[in-house]
């Protein structure tokens, strides 16, 4: 699966913000402190695997500039079909909607099938990692991640 774009309706400092036409391969986000790099990473992680409950101590990234909390990503599957994956905060990580190339609607089960065997742990350690993960290479030695890579 290839990430082709993302749209943040309202997430932290971002409001109605879009990144489109991302190319296949490694994406590196570079910017000064407080530019929003960590916020973009948190957005991707939550879109893919769900929002945390408000009871926790995690940053909720409430929309500071307006907009509905959440947004969507555009992904390309192996077969070349492009899907739009939308998620908003809510129970059990928030409802996820998958919109197919023919505007067909999918649900969380369809999204899981598109993700394949990528778990949240694998995604955060191998595919969408930040400085914290780079500083702690122990995450790559976890047996489950090692098995999925090989």
Protein backbone atom coordinates (compact mmCIF):
# COMPACT_ATOMS: atom_id res chain seq x y z
CA UNK A 1 0.00 0.00 0.00
CA UNK A 2 1.29 3.45 -0.93
CA UNK A 3 0.32 6.64 0.89
CA UNK A 4 -0.72 9.11 -1.82
CA UNK A 5 -2.04 12.00 0.27
CA UNK A 6 -3.67 13.20 3.44
CA UNK A 7 -6.16 15.84 4.48
CA UNK A 8 -6.43 17.12 8.05
CA UNK A 9 -9.85 18.68 8.67
CA UNK A 10 -8.86 19.67 12.18
CA UNK A 11 -5.93 18.16 14.02
CA UNK A 12 -3.72 20.14 16.39
CA UNK A 13 -2.42 23.24 14.64
CA UNK A 14 -3.64 22.01 11.24
CA UNK A 15 -7.00 23.08 9.79
CA UNK A 16 -8.12 22.18 6.26
CA UNK A 17 -4.54 21.16 5.44
CA UNK A 18 -3.73 18.82 2.55
CA UNK A 19 -0.66 17.02 1.31
CA UNK A 20 -1.37 15.52 -2.10
CA UNK A 21 0.52 13.66 -4.81
CA UNK A 22 2.99 12.01 -2.45
CA UNK A 23 5.37 9.83 -4.44
CA UNK A 24 6.01 6.16 -3.70
CA UNK A 25 8.92 5.39 -1.42
CA UNK A 26 10.34 7.06 1.62
CA UNK A 27 8.74 10.30 2.76
CA UNK A 28 10.81 12.56 5.02
CA UNK A 29 9.25 15.53 6.76
CA UNK A 30 11.81 18.16 7.64
CA UNK A 31 11.16 21.43 9.40
CA UNK A 32 12.03 23.58 12.38
CA UNK A 33 10.82 22.85 15.89
CA UNK A 34 7.05 23.30 16.31
CA UNK A 35 6.42 23.13 12.54
CA UNK A 36 4.03 20.18 12.96
CA UNK A 37 6.16 17.14 12.04
CA UNK A 38 5.14 15.17 15.14
CA UNK A 39 1.53 16.25 14.67
CA UNK A 40 1.50 14.87 11.10
CA UNK A 41 2.96 11.58 12.36
CA UNK A 42 0.34 11.36 15.12
CA UNK A 43 -2.39 12.05 12.55
CA UNK A 44 -1.26 9.19 10.32
CA UNK A 45 -1.01 6.78 13.24
CA UNK A 46 -4.51 7.67 14.45
CA UNK A 47 -6.03 7.52 10.99
CA UNK A 48 -4.60 4.07 10.47
CA UNK A 49 -5.23 2.56 13.91
CA UNK A 50 -7.65 4.76 15.84
CA UNK A 51 -7.81 7.68 18.22
CA UNK A 52 -7.01 7.17 21.92
CA UNK A 53 -9.72 7.64 24.51
CA UNK A 54 -10.01 11.04 26.14
CA UNK A 55 -9.43 9.43 29.52
CA UNK A 56 -5.79 8.73 28.72
CA UNK A 57 -2.82 11.04 29.07
CA UNK A 58 -2.12 11.12 25.32
CA UNK A 59 -2.22 14.44 23.49
CA UNK A 60 -5.64 14.55 21.84
CA UNK A 61 -4.52 17.05 19.19
CA UNK A 62 -7.81 18.89 19.46
CA UNK A 63 -8.29 21.23 16.49
CA UNK A 64 -6.81 24.58 17.50
CA UNK A 65 -7.82 26.41 14.31
CA UNK A 66 -11.25 24.90 13.81
CA UNK A 67 -12.54 22.09 11.66
CA UNK A 68 -13.92 18.69 12.52
CA UNK A 69 -11.41 16.60 14.47
CA UNK A 70 -9.83 14.04 12.13
CA UNK A 71 -9.58 13.77 8.37
CA UNK A 72 -8.61 11.26 5.72
CA UNK A 73 -5.74 9.68 3.83
CA UNK A 74 -5.58 8.49 0.25
CA UNK A 75 -3.83 5.17 -0.30
CA UNK A 76 -3.08 3.06 -3.35
CA UNK A 77 -3.45 -0.71 -3.04
CA UNK A 78 -1.20 -3.26 -4.75
CA UNK A 79 -3.72 -3.64 -7.57
CA UNK A 80 -3.50 0.12 -8.31
CA UNK A 81 -6.92 0.97 -6.87
CA UNK A 82 -7.03 4.18 -4.86
CA UNK A 83 -8.98 4.36 -1.59
CA UNK A 84 -9.89 7.19 0.74
CA UNK A 85 -9.77 6.26 4.43
CA UNK A 86 -11.63 8.59 6.81
CA UNK A 87 -11.60 8.53 10.61
CA UNK A 88 -12.89 10.75 13.41
CA UNK A 89 -12.50 10.29 17.17
CA UNK A 90 -15.09 8.10 18.85
CA UNK A 91 -15.63 4.84 20.69
CA UNK A 92 -13.13 2.07 19.96
CA UNK A 93 -10.71 4.44 18.20
CA UNK A 94 -13.40 6.15 16.16
CA UNK A 95 -15.39 5.00 13.18
CA UNK A 96 -13.40 4.35 10.01
CA UNK A 97 -14.85 4.63 6.53
CA UNK A 98 -13.22 3.31 3.40
CA UNK A 99 -14.31 4.85 0.10
CA UNK A 100 -13.37 2.75 -2.92
CA UNK A 101 -12.51 3.77 -6.48
CA UNK A 102 -16.15 3.41 -7.55
CA UNK A 103 -17.36 5.45 -4.52
CA UNK A 104 -18.36 2.22 -2.77
CA UNK A 105 -18.37 2.42 1.03
CA UNK A 106 -16.31 0.06 3.15
CA UNK A 107 -15.93 -0.40 6.87
CA UNK A 108 -13.28 -1.30 9.45
CA UNK A 109 -13.16 -4.89 8.19
CA UNK A 110 -12.36 -3.74 4.66
CA UNK A 111 -9.68 -1.43 6.04
CA UNK A 112 -8.12 -4.30 8.00
CA UNK A 113 -7.99 -6.41 4.84
CA UNK A 114 -6.27 -3.55 3.01
CA UNK A 115 -3.75 -3.20 5.85
CA UNK A 116 -2.99 -6.90 5.62
CA UNK A 117 -0.70 -8.05 8.40
CA UNK A 118 0.47 -4.58 9.39
CA UNK A 119 -0.20 -4.16 13.08
CA UNK A 120 0.01 -0.85 14.89
CA UNK A 121 3.28 -1.95 16.50
CA UNK A 122 4.81 -2.83 13.13
CA UNK A 123 3.53 0.37 11.48
CA UNK A 124 4.95 2.60 14.23
CA UNK A 125 8.30 0.81 14.35
CA UNK A 126 8.99 0.29 10.65
CA UNK A 127 6.72 2.37 8.40
CA UNK A 128 5.87 5.57 10.29
CA UNK A 129 8.47 6.33 12.90
CA UNK A 130 9.76 9.44 14.56
CA UNK A 131 12.86 10.50 16.42
CA UNK A 132 11.80 8.54 19.51
CA UNK A 133 11.77 5.26 17.60
CA UNK A 134 15.11 6.05 15.95
CA UNK A 135 16.66 6.69 19.36
CA UNK A 136 15.32 3.40 20.70
CA UNK A 137 16.40 0.65 18.30
CA UNK A 138 15.14 -1.92 20.83
CA UNK A 139 11.70 -1.64 19.20
CA UNK A 140 13.09 -3.40 16.13
CA UNK A 141 14.34 -6.32 18.16
CA UNK A 142 10.88 -7.22 19.42
CA UNK A 143 10.11 -10.75 18.28
CA UNK A 144 6.75 -9.95 16.67
CA UNK A 145 8.17 -7.16 14.52
CA UNK A 146 11.21 -9.21 13.54
CA UNK A 147 8.98 -12.08 12.41
CA UNK A 148 6.77 -9.81 10.28
CA UNK A 149 9.75 -8.18 8.57
CA UNK A 150 11.27 -11.52 7.66
